[in-house]
Amino acid sequence: MTLLPPGAPAPSSALETTAPRREYWFGLPALRTSARSARDTVRDRLRAWKVPGDTCCDAVLLVSELTTNAVLHTDSGHVVCGLTLTGDERLLRIELHDGGRVPVAAPGRHADPGEESGRGLFLVQQIADRWGSARSTRAEGKVVWAELTSCP
C-alpha cells in the first residue's frame, strides 16, 4: 500500500484514464433501399470519429451487405444498426438486428457467376476479422455482427 502526502490527488484508475468507447445506433425500414441509407450513415459517422480510410471503406461494405441480407430475410418491418468503436480505436463492431428468427451461418457454397445474389455473407466472411450471429437483445429476432480490428 502506498501512502500519499496530505493534499496530494489520488491516482486515477485505469478505467478513468482510458477513452470511453463510442456507440451509434440507428433504425431503418426493412426495404432494399435502406442499404444505401445505412452506407451513408455509417460513412458519415466513421468520418466524424476519424476512423482511418481503409477501415471506413471496409465498414461501409460490411454494413451494406449485412443490411441487404437483413432486409431480405427479416420477419419485421425494420432493422436496427449499431456501431461501437472501442476507446483505443482498435476494434469496430457493426451490428444488424432484425426480426428474423433463423440463425445466420457461414455460406455453404459460392454463388455461380450468373447468379445475382448469394455473395453477401461470403464478402462479410472475407472482410471481417470476426463475424457471427446470435439472438438479439434489441429486437425480437437475431443480430448479425462483424468486427474490424486496426492499429491506430
N, C-alpha and C. Protein backbone atom coordinates (compact mmCIF):
# COMPACT_ATOMS: atom_id res chain seq x y z
N MET A 1 0.85 -1.17 0.00
CA MET A 1 0.00 0.00 0.00
C MET A 1 0.89 1.23 0.00
N THR A 2 0.60 2.18 -0.88
CA THR A 2 1.38 3.42 -0.97
C THR A 2 0.61 4.52 -0.27
N LEU A 3 1.31 5.24 0.62
CA LEU A 3 0.69 6.37 1.29
C LEU A 3 0.99 7.64 0.53
N LEU A 4 0.00 8.51 0.41
CA LEU A 4 0.15 9.77 -0.30
C LEU A 4 0.35 10.89 0.71
N PRO A 5 1.15 11.91 0.35
CA PRO A 5 1.28 13.05 1.24
C PRO A 5 -0.05 13.77 1.38
N PRO A 6 -0.28 14.44 2.49
CA PRO A 6 -1.54 15.16 2.66
C PRO A 6 -1.76 16.15 1.52
N GLY A 7 -2.98 16.19 0.99
CA GLY A 7 -3.34 17.13 -0.07
C GLY A 7 -3.00 16.66 -1.47
N ALA A 8 -2.28 15.53 -1.61
CA ALA A 8 -1.93 15.02 -2.94
C ALA A 8 -3.16 14.39 -3.58
N PRO A 9 -3.34 14.59 -4.89
CA PRO A 9 -4.50 13.97 -5.54
C PRO A 9 -4.35 12.46 -5.58
N ALA A 10 -5.46 11.77 -5.45
CA ALA A 10 -5.44 10.31 -5.54
C ALA A 10 -5.16 9.90 -6.98
N PRO A 11 -4.41 8.81 -7.16
CA PRO A 11 -4.16 8.35 -8.54
C PRO A 11 -5.46 7.89 -9.17
N SER A 12 -5.59 8.13 -10.47
CA SER A 12 -6.81 7.71 -11.15
C SER A 12 -6.70 6.25 -11.55
N SER A 13 -7.82 5.60 -11.64
CA SER A 13 -7.83 4.19 -12.02
C SER A 13 -7.60 4.07 -13.53
N ALA A 14 -7.28 2.86 -13.95
CA ALA A 14 -7.05 2.62 -15.38
C ALA A 14 -8.31 2.93 -16.19
N LEU A 15 -9.48 2.66 -15.62
CA LEU A 15 -10.72 2.94 -16.35
C LEU A 15 -10.93 4.42 -16.57
N GLU A 16 -10.49 5.23 -15.65
CA GLU A 16 -10.68 6.66 -15.79
C GLU A 16 -9.73 7.26 -16.82
N THR A 17 -8.60 6.62 -17.06
CA THR A 17 -7.62 7.18 -17.98
C THR A 17 -7.81 6.70 -19.41
N THR A 18 -8.61 5.67 -19.61
CA THR A 18 -8.83 5.20 -20.98
C THR A 18 -10.01 5.96 -21.58
N ALA A 19 -9.95 6.18 -22.86
CA ALA A 19 -11.03 6.89 -23.54
C ALA A 19 -12.28 6.01 -23.58
N PRO A 20 -13.43 6.59 -23.41
CA PRO A 20 -14.66 5.79 -23.46
C PRO A 20 -14.93 5.29 -24.88
N ARG A 21 -15.61 4.18 -24.95
CA ARG A 21 -15.97 3.70 -26.28
C ARG A 21 -17.06 4.59 -26.84
N ARG A 22 -17.18 4.56 -28.15
CA ARG A 22 -18.21 5.35 -28.83
C ARG A 22 -19.24 4.40 -29.41
N GLU A 23 -20.50 4.78 -29.32
CA GLU A 23 -21.59 3.98 -29.88
C GLU A 23 -22.52 4.87 -30.68
N TYR A 24 -23.09 4.28 -31.71
CA TYR A 24 -24.09 5.00 -32.51
C TYR A 24 -25.10 3.97 -33.02
N TRP A 25 -26.38 4.24 -32.81
CA TRP A 25 -27.44 3.34 -33.23
C TRP A 25 -28.44 4.09 -34.10
N PHE A 26 -28.96 3.40 -35.11
CA PHE A 26 -30.00 3.98 -35.95
C PHE A 26 -30.88 2.87 -36.51
N GLY A 27 -32.12 3.23 -36.77
CA GLY A 27 -33.07 2.28 -37.33
C GLY A 27 -33.36 2.59 -38.78
N LEU A 28 -33.78 1.57 -39.49
CA LEU A 28 -34.11 1.70 -40.91
C LEU A 28 -35.31 0.83 -41.23
N PRO A 29 -36.12 1.24 -42.20
CA PRO A 29 -37.20 0.34 -42.63
C PRO A 29 -36.59 -0.87 -43.35
N ALA A 30 -37.27 -1.98 -43.28
CA ALA A 30 -36.78 -3.20 -43.93
C ALA A 30 -37.09 -3.16 -45.42
N LEU A 31 -36.41 -2.27 -46.13
CA LEU A 31 -36.56 -2.09 -47.57
C LEU A 31 -35.20 -2.21 -48.24
N ARG A 32 -35.17 -2.66 -49.46
CA ARG A 32 -33.89 -2.78 -50.18
C ARG A 32 -33.16 -1.44 -50.26
N THR A 33 -33.90 -0.36 -50.35
CA THR A 33 -33.28 0.97 -50.45
C THR A 33 -32.58 1.40 -49.16
N SER A 34 -32.80 0.69 -48.07
CA SER A 34 -32.17 1.04 -46.80
C SER A 34 -30.68 0.77 -46.79
N ALA A 35 -30.18 -0.08 -47.67
CA ALA A 35 -28.74 -0.35 -47.72
C ALA A 35 -27.97 0.93 -48.03
N ARG A 36 -28.49 1.74 -48.95
CA ARG A 36 -27.82 3.00 -49.27
C ARG A 36 -27.81 3.94 -48.07
N SER A 37 -28.95 4.06 -47.39
CA SER A 37 -29.02 4.91 -46.20
C SER A 37 -28.05 4.42 -45.13
N ALA A 38 -27.96 3.11 -44.97
CA ALA A 38 -27.02 2.55 -43.98
C ALA A 38 -25.58 2.89 -44.36
N ARG A 39 -25.23 2.74 -45.62
CA ARG A 39 -23.86 3.08 -46.07
C ARG A 39 -23.55 4.54 -45.79
N ASP A 40 -24.47 5.43 -46.17
CA ASP A 40 -24.24 6.86 -45.98
C ASP A 40 -24.12 7.23 -44.51
N THR A 41 -24.99 6.66 -43.69
CA THR A 41 -24.97 6.95 -42.26
C THR A 41 -23.67 6.47 -41.62
N VAL A 42 -23.26 5.25 -41.95
CA VAL A 42 -22.02 4.69 -41.38
C VAL A 42 -20.82 5.50 -41.85
N ARG A 43 -20.76 5.82 -43.13
CA ARG A 43 -19.63 6.61 -43.65
C ARG A 43 -19.53 7.95 -42.92
N ASP A 44 -20.65 8.64 -42.76
CA ASP A 44 -20.65 9.94 -42.08
C ASP A 44 -20.21 9.81 -40.62
N ARG A 45 -20.71 8.80 -39.92
CA ARG A 45 -20.36 8.63 -38.51
C ARG A 45 -18.88 8.28 -38.35
N LEU A 46 -18.38 7.38 -39.18
CA LEU A 46 -16.98 6.97 -39.04
C LEU A 46 -16.03 8.10 -39.43
N ARG A 47 -16.41 8.92 -40.38
CA ARG A 47 -15.60 10.10 -40.70
C ARG A 47 -15.58 11.07 -39.53
N ALA A 48 -16.73 11.26 -38.87
CA ALA A 48 -16.79 12.14 -37.71
C ALA A 48 -15.91 11.60 -36.58
N TRP A 49 -15.82 10.28 -36.48
CA TRP A 49 -14.97 9.66 -35.46
C TRP A 49 -13.51 9.57 -35.90
N LYS A 50 -13.23 10.02 -37.14
CA LYS A 50 -11.88 9.99 -37.71
C LYS A 50 -11.30 8.57 -37.81
N VAL A 51 -12.15 7.63 -38.18
CA VAL A 51 -11.71 6.25 -38.41
C VAL A 51 -10.91 6.24 -39.71
N PRO A 52 -9.77 5.55 -39.73
CA PRO A 52 -8.93 5.52 -40.94
C PRO A 52 -9.70 5.05 -42.18
N GLY A 53 -9.29 5.56 -43.33
CA GLY A 53 -9.98 5.33 -44.60
C GLY A 53 -10.22 3.89 -44.95
N ASP A 54 -9.21 3.02 -44.81
CA ASP A 54 -9.38 1.61 -45.17
C ASP A 54 -10.42 0.94 -44.28
N THR A 55 -10.36 1.22 -42.99
CA THR A 55 -11.33 0.64 -42.07
C THR A 55 -12.72 1.17 -42.38
N CYS A 56 -12.82 2.44 -42.68
CA CYS A 56 -14.10 3.05 -43.02
C CYS A 56 -14.69 2.40 -44.28
N CYS A 57 -13.89 2.22 -45.30
CA CYS A 57 -14.36 1.59 -46.54
C CYS A 57 -14.83 0.16 -46.29
N ASP A 58 -14.06 -0.60 -45.52
CA ASP A 58 -14.46 -1.98 -45.19
C ASP A 58 -15.76 -1.98 -44.39
N ALA A 59 -15.91 -1.06 -43.45
CA ALA A 59 -17.12 -1.00 -42.63
C ALA A 59 -18.34 -0.66 -43.48
N VAL A 60 -18.18 0.25 -44.42
CA VAL A 60 -19.29 0.63 -45.30
C VAL A 60 -19.73 -0.57 -46.14
N LEU A 61 -18.77 -1.32 -46.66
CA LEU A 61 -19.12 -2.52 -47.43
C LEU A 61 -19.80 -3.55 -46.54
N LEU A 62 -19.27 -3.76 -45.33
CA LEU A 62 -19.88 -4.72 -44.41
C LEU A 62 -21.31 -4.34 -44.06
N VAL A 63 -21.53 -3.07 -43.73
CA VAL A 63 -22.89 -2.67 -43.34
C VAL A 63 -23.84 -2.77 -44.54
N SER A 64 -23.35 -2.54 -45.73
CA SER A 64 -24.18 -2.68 -46.92
C SER A 64 -24.63 -4.13 -47.10
N GLU A 65 -23.70 -5.05 -46.98
CA GLU A 65 -24.03 -6.47 -47.14
C GLU A 65 -24.92 -6.98 -46.01
N LEU A 66 -24.61 -6.58 -44.78
CA LEU A 66 -25.42 -7.03 -43.64
C LEU A 66 -26.83 -6.45 -43.70
N THR A 67 -26.95 -5.19 -44.10
CA THR A 67 -28.27 -4.56 -44.22
C THR A 67 -29.08 -5.24 -45.31
N THR A 68 -28.48 -5.45 -46.46
CA THR A 68 -29.18 -6.10 -47.56
C THR A 68 -29.67 -7.47 -47.14
N ASN A 69 -28.80 -8.24 -46.50
CA ASN A 69 -29.18 -9.58 -46.04
C ASN A 69 -30.34 -9.50 -45.03
N ALA A 70 -30.24 -8.55 -44.11
CA ALA A 70 -31.27 -8.42 -43.07
C ALA A 70 -32.62 -8.04 -43.67
N VAL A 71 -32.65 -7.05 -44.56
CA VAL A 71 -33.95 -6.60 -45.09
C VAL A 71 -34.58 -7.66 -46.00
N LEU A 72 -33.76 -8.49 -46.63
CA LEU A 72 -34.31 -9.54 -47.47
C LEU A 72 -34.90 -10.70 -46.67
N HIS A 73 -34.38 -10.91 -45.46
CA HIS A 73 -34.75 -12.10 -44.71
C HIS A 73 -35.45 -11.84 -43.38
N THR A 74 -35.74 -10.59 -43.05
CA THR A 74 -36.36 -10.31 -41.76
C THR A 74 -37.85 -10.61 -41.76
N ASP A 75 -38.36 -10.86 -40.56
CA ASP A 75 -39.79 -11.06 -40.37
C ASP A 75 -40.46 -9.78 -39.86
N SER A 76 -39.70 -8.67 -39.82
CA SER A 76 -40.26 -7.43 -39.29
C SER A 76 -40.15 -6.32 -40.34
N GLY A 77 -40.71 -5.16 -40.00
CA GLY A 77 -40.70 -4.03 -40.93
C GLY A 77 -39.53 -3.10 -40.76
N HIS A 78 -38.61 -3.41 -39.82
CA HIS A 78 -37.47 -2.53 -39.62
C HIS A 78 -36.25 -3.32 -39.14
N VAL A 79 -35.10 -2.68 -39.25
CA VAL A 79 -33.84 -3.23 -38.74
C VAL A 79 -33.17 -2.14 -37.91
N VAL A 80 -32.31 -2.55 -37.01
CA VAL A 80 -31.55 -1.62 -36.17
C VAL A 80 -30.07 -1.89 -36.39
N CYS A 81 -29.34 -0.83 -36.68
CA CYS A 81 -27.91 -0.94 -36.94
C CYS A 81 -27.15 -0.23 -35.82
N GLY A 82 -26.07 -0.85 -35.38
CA GLY A 82 -25.25 -0.26 -34.34
C GLY A 82 -23.78 -0.29 -34.69
N LEU A 83 -23.08 0.76 -34.30
CA LEU A 83 -21.63 0.85 -34.45
C LEU A 83 -21.04 1.06 -33.06
N THR A 84 -20.00 0.32 -32.75
CA THR A 84 -19.30 0.51 -31.49
C THR A 84 -17.81 0.55 -31.79
N LEU A 85 -17.17 1.63 -31.36
CA LEU A 85 -15.73 1.80 -31.52
C LEU A 85 -15.12 1.83 -30.14
N THR A 86 -14.17 0.93 -29.88
CA THR A 86 -13.55 0.87 -28.56
C THR A 86 -12.76 2.15 -28.30
N GLY A 87 -12.52 2.41 -27.02
CA GLY A 87 -11.81 3.62 -26.62
C GLY A 87 -10.43 3.73 -27.22
N ASP A 88 -9.76 2.60 -27.44
CA ASP A 88 -8.43 2.66 -28.03
C ASP A 88 -8.49 2.67 -29.56
N GLU A 89 -9.70 2.65 -30.10
CA GLU A 89 -9.96 2.73 -31.54
C GLU A 89 -9.35 1.58 -32.33
N ARG A 90 -9.18 0.44 -31.68
CA ARG A 90 -8.63 -0.73 -32.37
C ARG A 90 -9.67 -1.74 -32.80
N LEU A 91 -10.90 -1.57 -32.33
CA LEU A 91 -11.95 -2.52 -32.67
C LEU A 91 -13.23 -1.77 -33.01
N LEU A 92 -13.75 -2.05 -34.19
CA LEU A 92 -15.03 -1.51 -34.63
C LEU A 92 -15.98 -2.68 -34.79
N ARG A 93 -17.12 -2.61 -34.10
CA ARG A 93 -18.13 -3.66 -34.19
C ARG A 93 -19.36 -3.08 -34.88
N ILE A 94 -19.85 -3.80 -35.86
CA ILE A 94 -21.06 -3.44 -36.60
C ILE A 94 -22.11 -4.49 -36.28
N GLU A 95 -23.31 -4.05 -35.92
CA GLU A 95 -24.39 -4.99 -35.61
C GLU A 95 -25.63 -4.64 -36.42
N LEU A 96 -26.33 -5.67 -36.91
CA LEU A 96 -27.61 -5.51 -37.59
C LEU A 96 -28.61 -6.41 -36.88
N HIS A 97 -29.59 -5.78 -36.23
CA HIS A 97 -30.63 -6.51 -35.51
C HIS A 97 -31.90 -6.50 -36.36
N ASP A 98 -32.56 -7.66 -36.45
CA ASP A 98 -33.81 -7.74 -37.19
C ASP A 98 -34.74 -8.75 -36.54
N GLY A 99 -35.92 -8.90 -37.10
CA GLY A 99 -36.91 -9.79 -36.55
C GLY A 99 -36.80 -11.22 -37.04
N GLY A 100 -35.79 -11.51 -37.85
CA GLY A 100 -35.62 -12.88 -38.34
C GLY A 100 -35.24 -13.83 -37.22
N ARG A 101 -35.77 -15.03 -37.27
CA ARG A 101 -35.51 -15.98 -36.19
C ARG A 101 -34.53 -17.08 -36.61
N VAL A 102 -34.20 -17.15 -37.87
CA VAL A 102 -33.29 -18.20 -38.35
C VAL A 102 -31.86 -17.71 -38.17
N PRO A 103 -31.03 -18.48 -37.43
CA PRO A 103 -29.63 -18.07 -37.26
C PRO A 103 -28.92 -18.01 -38.61
N VAL A 104 -27.97 -17.12 -38.70
CA VAL A 104 -27.19 -16.97 -39.92
C VAL A 104 -25.92 -17.79 -39.78
N ALA A 105 -25.62 -18.55 -40.81
CA ALA A 105 -24.41 -19.38 -40.81
C ALA A 105 -23.52 -18.99 -41.97
N ALA A 106 -22.28 -19.41 -41.88
CA ALA A 106 -21.33 -19.16 -42.97
C ALA A 106 -21.87 -19.78 -44.25
N PRO A 107 -21.62 -19.12 -45.38
CA PRO A 107 -22.14 -19.66 -46.64
C PRO A 107 -21.56 -21.04 -46.91
N GLY A 108 -22.44 -21.95 -47.33
CA GLY A 108 -22.02 -23.32 -47.60
C GLY A 108 -21.46 -23.52 -49.00
N ARG A 109 -21.75 -22.58 -49.87
CA ARG A 109 -21.25 -22.69 -51.25
C ARG A 109 -21.05 -21.29 -51.82
N HIS A 110 -20.30 -21.22 -52.88
CA HIS A 110 -20.08 -19.95 -53.56
C HIS A 110 -21.16 -19.78 -54.64
N ALA A 111 -21.60 -18.56 -54.83
CA ALA A 111 -22.59 -18.28 -55.87
C ALA A 111 -21.95 -18.48 -57.24
N ASP A 112 -22.74 -18.98 -58.16
CA ASP A 112 -22.27 -19.14 -59.54
C ASP A 112 -22.15 -17.77 -60.18
N PRO A 113 -21.28 -17.63 -61.19
CA PRO A 113 -21.07 -16.32 -61.83
C PRO A 113 -22.34 -15.67 -62.35
N GLY A 114 -23.32 -16.43 -62.77
CA GLY A 114 -24.55 -15.87 -63.33
C GLY A 114 -25.60 -15.51 -62.29
N GLU A 115 -25.39 -15.90 -61.05
CA GLU A 115 -26.37 -15.61 -60.00
C GLU A 115 -26.27 -14.15 -59.56
N GLU A 116 -27.44 -13.55 -59.31
CA GLU A 116 -27.47 -12.15 -58.91
C GLU A 116 -27.26 -11.95 -57.42
N SER A 117 -27.42 -12.97 -56.63
CA SER A 117 -27.25 -12.84 -55.18
C SER A 117 -26.48 -14.04 -54.65
N GLY A 118 -26.23 -14.01 -53.34
CA GLY A 118 -25.55 -15.15 -52.73
C GLY A 118 -24.10 -14.89 -52.37
N ARG A 119 -23.63 -13.66 -52.53
CA ARG A 119 -22.23 -13.36 -52.24
C ARG A 119 -22.03 -12.53 -50.97
N GLY A 120 -23.12 -11.99 -50.41
CA GLY A 120 -23.02 -11.06 -49.29
C GLY A 120 -22.29 -11.61 -48.09
N LEU A 121 -22.73 -12.77 -47.60
CA LEU A 121 -22.07 -13.33 -46.42
C LEU A 121 -20.67 -13.83 -46.72
N PHE A 122 -20.44 -14.24 -47.97
CA PHE A 122 -19.08 -14.61 -48.35
C PHE A 122 -18.17 -13.38 -48.24
N LEU A 123 -18.63 -12.22 -48.71
CA LEU A 123 -17.85 -10.99 -48.58
C LEU A 123 -17.63 -10.63 -47.11
N VAL A 124 -18.68 -10.75 -46.30
CA VAL A 124 -18.55 -10.48 -44.87
C VAL A 124 -17.48 -11.38 -44.27
N GLN A 125 -17.53 -12.65 -44.61
CA GLN A 125 -16.55 -13.62 -44.11
C GLN A 125 -15.12 -13.25 -44.52
N GLN A 126 -14.95 -12.73 -45.71
CA GLN A 126 -13.62 -12.39 -46.21
C GLN A 126 -13.09 -11.08 -45.64
N ILE A 127 -13.95 -10.10 -45.38
CA ILE A 127 -13.51 -8.77 -44.96
C ILE A 127 -13.40 -8.63 -43.45
N ALA A 128 -14.37 -9.17 -42.72
CA ALA A 128 -14.39 -9.01 -41.26
C ALA A 128 -13.30 -9.85 -40.61
N ASP A 129 -12.76 -9.34 -39.51
CA ASP A 129 -11.81 -10.14 -38.73
C ASP A 129 -12.55 -11.23 -37.97
N ARG A 130 -13.76 -10.93 -37.53
CA ARG A 130 -14.65 -11.88 -36.88
C ARG A 130 -16.07 -11.49 -37.23
N TRP A 131 -16.95 -12.48 -37.29
CA TRP A 131 -18.36 -12.20 -37.51
C TRP A 131 -19.18 -13.36 -36.98
N GLY A 132 -20.46 -13.11 -36.77
CA GLY A 132 -21.31 -14.18 -36.29
C GLY A 132 -22.75 -13.72 -36.17
N SER A 133 -23.55 -14.59 -35.58
CA SER A 133 -24.97 -14.34 -35.42
C SER A 133 -25.39 -14.87 -34.06
N ALA A 134 -26.35 -14.20 -33.44
CA ALA A 134 -26.84 -14.61 -32.12
C ALA A 134 -28.27 -14.10 -31.96
N ARG A 135 -28.88 -14.47 -30.87
CA ARG A 135 -30.20 -13.93 -30.54
C ARG A 135 -30.02 -12.46 -30.19
N SER A 136 -30.89 -11.61 -30.69
CA SER A 136 -30.79 -10.17 -30.48
C SER A 136 -31.25 -9.78 -29.08
N THR A 137 -30.57 -8.79 -28.52
CA THR A 137 -31.00 -8.19 -27.27
C THR A 137 -31.78 -6.90 -27.53
N ARG A 138 -31.87 -6.49 -28.81
CA ARG A 138 -32.54 -5.23 -29.17
C ARG A 138 -33.76 -5.43 -30.06
N ALA A 139 -33.96 -6.62 -30.55
CA ALA A 139 -35.10 -6.91 -31.43
C ALA A 139 -35.64 -8.29 -31.05
N GLU A 140 -36.76 -8.65 -31.62
CA GLU A 140 -37.38 -9.94 -31.32
C GLU A 140 -36.81 -11.07 -32.18
N GLY A 141 -35.66 -10.87 -32.75
CA GLY A 141 -35.09 -11.89 -33.63
C GLY A 141 -33.62 -12.11 -33.38
N LYS A 142 -32.83 -11.80 -34.39
CA LYS A 142 -31.40 -12.10 -34.31
C LYS A 142 -30.57 -10.85 -34.55
N VAL A 143 -29.29 -10.97 -34.26
CA VAL A 143 -28.30 -9.96 -34.60
C VAL A 143 -27.22 -10.66 -35.41
N VAL A 144 -26.78 -10.00 -36.46
CA VAL A 144 -25.60 -10.44 -37.20
C VAL A 144 -24.59 -9.34 -36.99
N TRP A 145 -23.37 -9.71 -36.57
CA TRP A 145 -22.35 -8.73 -36.23
C TRP A 145 -21.06 -9.04 -36.98
N ALA A 146 -20.27 -8.02 -37.15
CA ALA A 146 -18.96 -8.16 -37.77
C ALA A 146 -18.00 -7.20 -37.05
N GLU A 147 -16.76 -7.62 -36.91
CA GLU A 147 -15.75 -6.80 -36.26
C GLU A 147 -14.56 -6.58 -37.16
N LEU A 148 -14.07 -5.36 -37.11
CA LEU A 148 -12.85 -4.98 -37.81
C LEU A 148 -11.84 -4.50 -36.76
N THR A 149 -10.63 -4.99 -36.87
CA THR A 149 -9.58 -4.53 -35.97
C THR A 149 -8.56 -3.75 -36.78
N SER A 150 -7.98 -2.74 -36.15
CA SER A 150 -6.94 -1.95 -36.82
C SER A 150 -6.00 -1.41 -35.78
N CYS A 151 -4.83 -1.03 -36.21
CA CYS A 151 -3.87 -0.38 -35.33
C CYS A 151 -3.85 1.09 -35.66
N PRO A 152 -4.11 1.95 -34.65
CA PRO A 152 -4.15 3.39 -34.95
C PRO A 152 -2.79 3.93 -35.34
